[in-house]
Amino acid sequence: MTTPGVKAQMPKNVRLAVVGVWVQAVLNLAAGALLLAVVNDAADHGQDEGAGLLRFVAVLSLLIAGALLLCGVLAGKRSNGIRVTVIVIEALSLLSGVLGLLQGGGVSVLPGIAFALAVLRGFSSAEARNWFDQ
């Protein structure tokens, strides 16, 4: 129960998960921008074979980064839609990491899987549910 005029403090595990969302958003933004730059450079040099799929992945990464940034900004508003959006994005990220692992991605996909699991755990907790349900 909170008293009027006193702002409730975000639970620690939710706050750490929001930091994870910010970090993942920045990494997705950097990866998407870098991939888009590489695809555009290859297309400028006449090597545009397979560029369509890579361009799609780059734009998708930028869109996911935008969604995560928006969720990070709005996390203090305590809307359950933010929590659900992050859970869906992280579940898709986890699925992508597991598929990459099964296709021989090796240890390079393990940090992404661990990161997605950590954020999912934070946003799926009872404290997160209570925080975002207001």
N, C-alpha and C. Protein backbone atom coordinates (compact mmCIF):
# COMPACT_ATOMS: atom_id res chain seq x y z
N MET A 1 0.84 -1.17 0.00
CA MET A 1 0.00 0.00 0.00
C MET A 1 0.89 1.24 0.00
N THR A 2 0.60 2.15 -0.88
CA THR A 2 1.41 3.36 -0.96
C THR A 2 0.60 4.54 -0.47
N THR A 3 1.31 5.51 0.05
CA THR A 3 0.64 6.71 0.50
C THR A 3 0.59 7.70 -0.65
N PRO A 4 -0.47 8.53 -0.69
CA PRO A 4 -0.58 9.49 -1.77
C PRO A 4 0.61 10.46 -1.77
N GLY A 5 1.08 10.75 -2.96
CA GLY A 5 2.19 11.69 -3.10
C GLY A 5 3.55 11.04 -2.98
N VAL A 6 3.62 9.77 -2.59
CA VAL A 6 4.89 9.07 -2.49
C VAL A 6 4.98 8.10 -3.67
N LYS A 7 6.02 8.29 -4.47
CA LYS A 7 6.19 7.46 -5.65
C LYS A 7 6.70 6.07 -5.25
N ALA A 8 6.04 5.03 -5.73
CA ALA A 8 6.47 3.66 -5.43
C ALA A 8 7.79 3.37 -6.12
N GLN A 9 8.63 2.61 -5.46
CA GLN A 9 9.93 2.28 -6.01
C GLN A 9 9.86 0.94 -6.74
N MET A 10 10.47 0.91 -7.92
CA MET A 10 10.49 -0.30 -8.73
C MET A 10 11.30 -1.37 -7.99
N PRO A 11 10.78 -2.61 -7.94
CA PRO A 11 11.53 -3.70 -7.29
C PRO A 11 12.89 -3.90 -7.96
N LYS A 12 13.85 -4.37 -7.17
CA LYS A 12 15.23 -4.49 -7.64
C LYS A 12 15.36 -5.40 -8.86
N ASN A 13 14.70 -6.58 -8.84
CA ASN A 13 14.85 -7.49 -9.97
C ASN A 13 14.20 -6.92 -11.24
N VAL A 14 13.15 -6.13 -11.08
CA VAL A 14 12.53 -5.48 -12.24
C VAL A 14 13.44 -4.38 -12.76
N ARG A 15 14.05 -3.64 -11.85
CA ARG A 15 14.97 -2.58 -12.25
C ARG A 15 16.16 -3.16 -13.02
N LEU A 16 16.70 -4.29 -12.55
CA LEU A 16 17.80 -4.94 -13.24
C LEU A 16 17.37 -5.46 -14.61
N ALA A 17 16.14 -5.97 -14.71
CA ALA A 17 15.63 -6.43 -16.00
C ALA A 17 15.45 -5.27 -16.97
N VAL A 18 15.03 -4.11 -16.46
CA VAL A 18 14.89 -2.93 -17.32
C VAL A 18 16.27 -2.48 -17.82
N VAL A 19 17.28 -2.57 -16.96
CA VAL A 19 18.64 -2.26 -17.41
C VAL A 19 19.05 -3.24 -18.51
N GLY A 20 18.68 -4.51 -18.35
CA GLY A 20 18.94 -5.50 -19.39
C GLY A 20 18.25 -5.16 -20.70
N VAL A 21 17.03 -4.64 -20.61
CA VAL A 21 16.30 -4.22 -21.80
C VAL A 21 17.05 -3.09 -22.50
N TRP A 22 17.53 -2.12 -21.71
CA TRP A 22 18.29 -1.00 -22.28
C TRP A 22 19.56 -1.50 -22.97
N VAL A 23 20.28 -2.39 -22.32
CA VAL A 23 21.52 -2.92 -22.90
C VAL A 23 21.21 -3.67 -24.19
N GLN A 24 20.19 -4.50 -24.16
CA GLN A 24 19.84 -5.26 -25.35
C GLN A 24 19.38 -4.34 -26.47
N ALA A 25 18.67 -3.27 -26.14
CA ALA A 25 18.22 -2.32 -27.16
C ALA A 25 19.42 -1.65 -27.83
N VAL A 26 20.39 -1.24 -27.04
CA VAL A 26 21.58 -0.60 -27.60
C VAL A 26 22.37 -1.58 -28.46
N LEU A 27 22.51 -2.83 -28.00
CA LEU A 27 23.23 -3.83 -28.79
C LEU A 27 22.50 -4.15 -30.09
N ASN A 28 21.17 -4.25 -30.05
CA ASN A 28 20.39 -4.49 -31.26
C ASN A 28 20.51 -3.32 -32.23
N LEU A 29 20.50 -2.12 -31.68
CA LEU A 29 20.65 -0.92 -32.52
C LEU A 29 22.01 -0.93 -33.22
N ALA A 30 23.05 -1.21 -32.46
CA ALA A 30 24.40 -1.25 -33.05
C ALA A 30 24.53 -2.36 -34.08
N ALA A 31 24.01 -3.55 -33.77
CA ALA A 31 24.10 -4.68 -34.70
C ALA A 31 23.31 -4.41 -35.97
N GLY A 32 22.11 -3.87 -35.82
CA GLY A 32 21.29 -3.56 -36.99
C GLY A 32 21.92 -2.50 -37.88
N ALA A 33 22.46 -1.46 -37.26
CA ALA A 33 23.11 -0.39 -38.03
C ALA A 33 24.35 -0.91 -38.74
N LEU A 34 25.14 -1.72 -38.04
CA LEU A 34 26.35 -2.29 -38.64
C LEU A 34 26.00 -3.22 -39.80
N LEU A 35 25.04 -4.08 -39.60
CA LEU A 35 24.63 -5.01 -40.66
C LEU A 35 24.07 -4.26 -41.86
N LEU A 36 23.29 -3.23 -41.60
CA LEU A 36 22.74 -2.42 -42.70
C LEU A 36 23.86 -1.72 -43.47
N ALA A 37 24.86 -1.23 -42.76
CA ALA A 37 25.99 -0.57 -43.42
C ALA A 37 26.77 -1.57 -44.27
N VAL A 38 26.98 -2.78 -43.77
CA VAL A 38 27.69 -3.81 -44.53
C VAL A 38 26.91 -4.20 -45.78
N VAL A 39 25.59 -4.37 -45.64
CA VAL A 39 24.75 -4.73 -46.79
C VAL A 39 24.77 -3.62 -47.83
N ASN A 40 24.64 -2.37 -47.40
CA ASN A 40 24.67 -1.25 -48.34
C ASN A 40 26.02 -1.13 -49.03
N ASP A 41 27.11 -1.37 -48.30
CA ASP A 41 28.44 -1.33 -48.90
C ASP A 41 28.60 -2.43 -49.94
N ALA A 42 28.13 -3.62 -49.62
CA ALA A 42 28.21 -4.73 -50.58
C ALA A 42 27.38 -4.43 -51.82
N ALA A 43 26.21 -3.84 -51.63
CA ALA A 43 25.35 -3.50 -52.78
C ALA A 43 26.01 -2.43 -53.64
N ASP A 44 26.71 -1.49 -53.02
CA ASP A 44 27.41 -0.44 -53.77
C ASP A 44 28.53 -1.01 -54.63
N HIS A 45 29.06 -2.17 -54.24
CA HIS A 45 30.14 -2.79 -54.99
C HIS A 45 29.67 -3.96 -55.86
N GLY A 46 28.38 -4.01 -56.12
CA GLY A 46 27.81 -5.02 -57.01
C GLY A 46 27.70 -6.41 -56.42
N GLN A 47 27.83 -6.53 -55.14
CA GLN A 47 27.73 -7.84 -54.48
C GLN A 47 26.42 -7.92 -53.71
N ASP A 48 25.33 -7.82 -54.42
CA ASP A 48 24.03 -7.76 -53.75
C ASP A 48 23.32 -9.11 -53.69
N GLU A 49 24.04 -10.20 -53.96
CA GLU A 49 23.43 -11.52 -53.85
C GLU A 49 23.15 -11.85 -52.39
N GLY A 50 21.93 -12.14 -52.06
CA GLY A 50 21.53 -12.44 -50.69
C GLY A 50 21.35 -11.21 -49.82
N ALA A 51 21.43 -10.04 -50.42
CA ALA A 51 21.34 -8.80 -49.63
C ALA A 51 19.93 -8.56 -49.11
N GLY A 52 18.93 -9.08 -49.80
CA GLY A 52 17.54 -8.86 -49.38
C GLY A 52 17.27 -9.42 -47.99
N LEU A 53 17.69 -10.64 -47.76
CA LEU A 53 17.47 -11.29 -46.46
C LEU A 53 18.27 -10.58 -45.37
N LEU A 54 19.52 -10.23 -45.67
CA LEU A 54 20.34 -9.53 -44.68
C LEU A 54 19.77 -8.15 -44.37
N ARG A 55 19.25 -7.48 -45.39
CA ARG A 55 18.63 -6.17 -45.17
C ARG A 55 17.39 -6.32 -44.28
N PHE A 56 16.62 -7.38 -44.51
CA PHE A 56 15.44 -7.65 -43.68
C PHE A 56 15.84 -7.88 -42.22
N VAL A 57 16.89 -8.67 -41.99
CA VAL A 57 17.36 -8.94 -40.64
C VAL A 57 17.85 -7.65 -39.98
N ALA A 58 18.54 -6.80 -40.74
CA ALA A 58 19.04 -5.53 -40.20
C ALA A 58 17.89 -4.62 -39.80
N VAL A 59 16.90 -4.49 -40.66
CA VAL A 59 15.75 -3.64 -40.35
C VAL A 59 14.96 -4.22 -39.18
N LEU A 60 14.81 -5.54 -39.13
CA LEU A 60 14.12 -6.18 -38.01
C LEU A 60 14.85 -5.91 -36.70
N SER A 61 16.17 -5.98 -36.72
CA SER A 61 16.96 -5.69 -35.53
C SER A 61 16.76 -4.24 -35.09
N LEU A 62 16.69 -3.32 -36.04
CA LEU A 62 16.46 -1.91 -35.70
C LEU A 62 15.06 -1.69 -35.13
N LEU A 63 14.07 -2.39 -35.67
CA LEU A 63 12.70 -2.28 -35.15
C LEU A 63 12.60 -2.84 -33.73
N ILE A 64 13.26 -3.97 -33.50
CA ILE A 64 13.25 -4.56 -32.16
C ILE A 64 13.96 -3.63 -31.18
N ALA A 65 15.06 -3.02 -31.63
CA ALA A 65 15.78 -2.07 -30.77
C ALA A 65 14.87 -0.90 -30.42
N GLY A 66 14.12 -0.40 -31.39
CA GLY A 66 13.19 0.70 -31.13
C GLY A 66 12.11 0.31 -30.13
N ALA A 67 11.57 -0.90 -30.30
CA ALA A 67 10.54 -1.38 -29.37
C ALA A 67 11.10 -1.53 -27.96
N LEU A 68 12.31 -2.06 -27.85
CA LEU A 68 12.92 -2.22 -26.53
C LEU A 68 13.25 -0.87 -25.89
N LEU A 69 13.74 0.07 -26.69
CA LEU A 69 14.01 1.41 -26.17
C LEU A 69 12.73 2.05 -25.65
N LEU A 70 11.65 1.91 -26.41
CA LEU A 70 10.36 2.46 -25.99
C LEU A 70 9.89 1.80 -24.70
N CYS A 71 10.04 0.50 -24.60
CA CYS A 71 9.65 -0.21 -23.37
C CYS A 71 10.51 0.24 -22.19
N GLY A 72 11.80 0.46 -22.43
CA GLY A 72 12.67 0.94 -21.37
C GLY A 72 12.28 2.32 -20.88
N VAL A 73 11.93 3.19 -21.82
CA VAL A 73 11.52 4.55 -21.47
C VAL A 73 10.21 4.54 -20.69
N LEU A 74 9.27 3.70 -21.12
CA LEU A 74 7.93 3.70 -20.53
C LEU A 74 7.77 2.75 -19.34
N ALA A 75 8.83 2.07 -18.94
CA ALA A 75 8.72 1.10 -17.84
C ALA A 75 8.23 1.75 -16.55
N GLY A 76 8.57 2.99 -16.34
CA GLY A 76 8.12 3.69 -15.13
C GLY A 76 6.63 3.99 -15.13
N LYS A 77 5.98 3.90 -16.28
CA LYS A 77 4.53 4.15 -16.37
C LYS A 77 3.71 3.00 -15.83
N ARG A 78 4.36 1.85 -15.64
CA ARG A 78 3.74 0.68 -15.01
C ARG A 78 2.58 0.10 -15.80
N SER A 79 2.68 0.09 -17.09
CA SER A 79 1.65 -0.51 -17.94
C SER A 79 1.98 -1.98 -18.19
N ASN A 80 1.00 -2.84 -18.05
CA ASN A 80 1.21 -4.26 -18.26
C ASN A 80 1.57 -4.57 -19.71
N GLY A 81 1.15 -3.72 -20.65
CA GLY A 81 1.48 -3.92 -22.06
C GLY A 81 2.98 -3.88 -22.29
N ILE A 82 3.69 -3.09 -21.51
CA ILE A 82 5.15 -3.01 -21.62
C ILE A 82 5.76 -4.34 -21.21
N ARG A 83 5.28 -4.87 -20.11
CA ARG A 83 5.79 -6.16 -19.62
C ARG A 83 5.55 -7.26 -20.64
N VAL A 84 4.34 -7.30 -21.20
CA VAL A 84 4.00 -8.33 -22.18
C VAL A 84 4.85 -8.18 -23.45
N THR A 85 5.05 -6.95 -23.89
CA THR A 85 5.86 -6.70 -25.09
C THR A 85 7.29 -7.20 -24.88
N VAL A 86 7.87 -6.89 -23.74
CA VAL A 86 9.24 -7.34 -23.45
C VAL A 86 9.29 -8.86 -23.38
N ILE A 87 8.31 -9.48 -22.75
CA ILE A 87 8.29 -10.94 -22.66
C ILE A 87 8.22 -11.57 -24.03
N VAL A 88 7.39 -11.04 -24.91
CA VAL A 88 7.28 -11.59 -26.28
C VAL A 88 8.59 -11.43 -27.03
N ILE A 89 9.19 -10.24 -26.96
CA ILE A 89 10.46 -10.01 -27.67
C ILE A 89 11.55 -10.92 -27.12
N GLU A 90 11.62 -11.07 -25.81
CA GLU A 90 12.65 -11.92 -25.21
C GLU A 90 12.41 -13.40 -25.53
N ALA A 91 11.15 -13.82 -25.58
CA ALA A 91 10.85 -15.21 -25.93
C ALA A 91 11.29 -15.49 -27.37
N LEU A 92 11.05 -14.54 -28.27
CA LEU A 92 11.50 -14.69 -29.66
C LEU A 92 13.02 -14.69 -29.74
N SER A 93 13.66 -13.87 -28.93
CA SER A 93 15.12 -13.83 -28.88
C SER A 93 15.68 -15.16 -28.37
N LEU A 94 15.04 -15.70 -27.35
CA LEU A 94 15.45 -16.99 -26.81
C LEU A 94 15.28 -18.09 -27.85
N LEU A 95 14.16 -18.10 -28.54
CA LEU A 95 13.91 -19.08 -29.59
C LEU A 95 14.95 -18.96 -30.70
N SER A 96 15.25 -17.74 -31.09
CA SER A 96 16.26 -17.51 -32.11
C SER A 96 17.63 -18.03 -31.66
N GLY A 97 17.97 -17.79 -30.40
CA GLY A 97 19.25 -18.28 -29.88
C GLY A 97 19.32 -19.79 -29.84
N VAL A 98 18.23 -20.43 -29.42
CA VAL A 98 18.21 -21.90 -29.36
C VAL A 98 18.31 -22.47 -30.77
N LEU A 99 17.59 -21.89 -31.73
CA LEU A 99 17.69 -22.35 -33.12
C LEU A 99 19.10 -22.16 -33.66
N GLY A 100 19.73 -21.03 -33.33
CA GLY A 100 21.11 -20.81 -33.73
C GLY A 100 22.05 -21.82 -33.12
N LEU A 101 21.81 -22.19 -31.88
CA LEU A 101 22.62 -23.19 -31.21
C LEU A 101 22.46 -24.55 -31.88
N LEU A 102 21.22 -24.91 -32.22
CA LEU A 102 20.96 -26.19 -32.87
C LEU A 102 21.52 -26.26 -34.28
N GLN A 103 21.68 -25.10 -34.91
CA GLN A 103 22.22 -25.07 -36.28
C GLN A 103 23.74 -24.96 -36.28
N GLY A 104 24.35 -25.10 -35.13
CA GLY A 104 25.80 -25.10 -35.06
C GLY A 104 26.40 -23.74 -34.76
N GLY A 105 25.65 -22.87 -34.13
CA GLY A 105 26.15 -21.54 -33.81
C GLY A 105 27.23 -21.56 -32.74
N GLY A 106 27.35 -22.65 -32.03
CA GLY A 106 28.38 -22.76 -31.01
C GLY A 106 28.16 -21.85 -29.83
N VAL A 107 29.25 -21.54 -29.15
CA VAL A 107 29.17 -20.76 -27.93
C VAL A 107 28.85 -19.29 -28.20
N SER A 108 28.90 -18.86 -29.44
CA SER A 108 28.64 -17.45 -29.73
C SER A 108 27.19 -17.05 -29.46
N VAL A 109 26.27 -18.01 -29.45
CA VAL A 109 24.87 -17.69 -29.20
C VAL A 109 24.50 -17.83 -27.72
N LEU A 110 25.38 -18.41 -26.92
CA LEU A 110 25.06 -18.62 -25.51
C LEU A 110 24.86 -17.33 -24.72
N PRO A 111 25.65 -16.26 -24.94
CA PRO A 111 25.37 -15.03 -24.20
C PRO A 111 23.99 -14.46 -24.51
N GLY A 112 23.55 -14.54 -25.75
CA GLY A 112 22.21 -14.06 -26.11
C GLY A 112 21.12 -14.86 -25.42
N ILE A 113 21.32 -16.17 -25.33
CA ILE A 113 20.34 -17.03 -24.65
C ILE A 113 20.31 -16.69 -23.16
N ALA A 114 21.47 -16.55 -22.55
CA ALA A 114 21.53 -16.23 -21.12
C ALA A 114 20.91 -14.87 -20.83
N PHE A 115 21.19 -13.91 -21.70
CA PHE A 115 20.65 -12.56 -21.52
C PHE A 115 19.13 -12.57 -21.62
N ALA A 116 18.61 -13.26 -22.63
CA ALA A 116 17.15 -13.34 -22.80
C ALA A 116 16.51 -14.04 -21.60
N LEU A 117 17.13 -15.08 -21.10
CA LEU A 117 16.59 -15.78 -19.93
C LEU A 117 16.57 -14.88 -18.70
N ALA A 118 17.64 -14.10 -18.51
CA ALA A 118 17.70 -13.21 -17.35
C ALA A 118 16.61 -12.14 -17.41
N VAL A 119 16.42 -11.54 -18.56
CA VAL A 119 15.38 -10.50 -18.70
C VAL A 119 14.00 -11.13 -18.58
N LEU A 120 13.81 -12.30 -19.18
CA LEU A 120 12.52 -12.99 -19.07
C LEU A 120 12.21 -13.30 -17.61
N ARG A 121 13.21 -13.76 -16.87
CA ARG A 121 12.99 -14.07 -15.45
C ARG A 121 12.56 -12.83 -14.68
N GLY A 122 13.22 -11.71 -14.97
CA GLY A 122 12.88 -10.47 -14.28
C GLY A 122 11.49 -9.98 -14.59
N PHE A 123 11.09 -10.04 -15.86
CA PHE A 123 9.79 -9.53 -16.26
C PHE A 123 8.65 -10.52 -16.00
N SER A 124 8.98 -11.78 -15.77
CA SER A 124 7.94 -12.79 -15.51
C SER A 124 7.69 -13.02 -14.02
N SER A 125 8.47 -12.38 -13.18
CA SER A 125 8.35 -12.62 -11.74
C SER A 125 7.04 -12.03 -11.19
N ALA A 126 6.68 -12.50 -10.01
CA ALA A 126 5.47 -12.00 -9.35
C ALA A 126 5.62 -10.51 -9.03
N GLU A 127 6.85 -10.10 -8.66
CA GLU A 127 7.07 -8.68 -8.36
C GLU A 127 6.85 -7.82 -9.60
N ALA A 128 7.30 -8.32 -10.77
CA ALA A 128 7.10 -7.58 -12.02
C ALA A 128 5.61 -7.50 -12.35
N ARG A 129 4.91 -8.62 -12.17
CA ARG A 129 3.47 -8.61 -12.41
C ARG A 129 2.78 -7.58 -11.53
N ASN A 130 3.12 -7.56 -10.25
CA ASN A 130 2.53 -6.61 -9.32
C ASN A 130 2.91 -5.18 -9.68
N TRP A 131 4.16 -4.97 -10.07
CA TRP A 131 4.62 -3.62 -10.41
C TRP A 131 3.89 -3.08 -11.64
N PHE A 132 3.81 -3.89 -12.68
CA PHE A 132 3.22 -3.42 -13.93
C PHE A 132 1.69 -3.43 -13.91
N ASP A 133 1.09 -4.19 -13.00
CA ASP A 133 -0.38 -4.17 -12.88
C ASP A 133 -0.86 -2.98 -12.07
N GLN A 134 0.05 -2.26 -11.47
CA GLN A 134 -0.21 -1.08 -10.64
C GLN A 134 -0.93 -1.54 -9.42
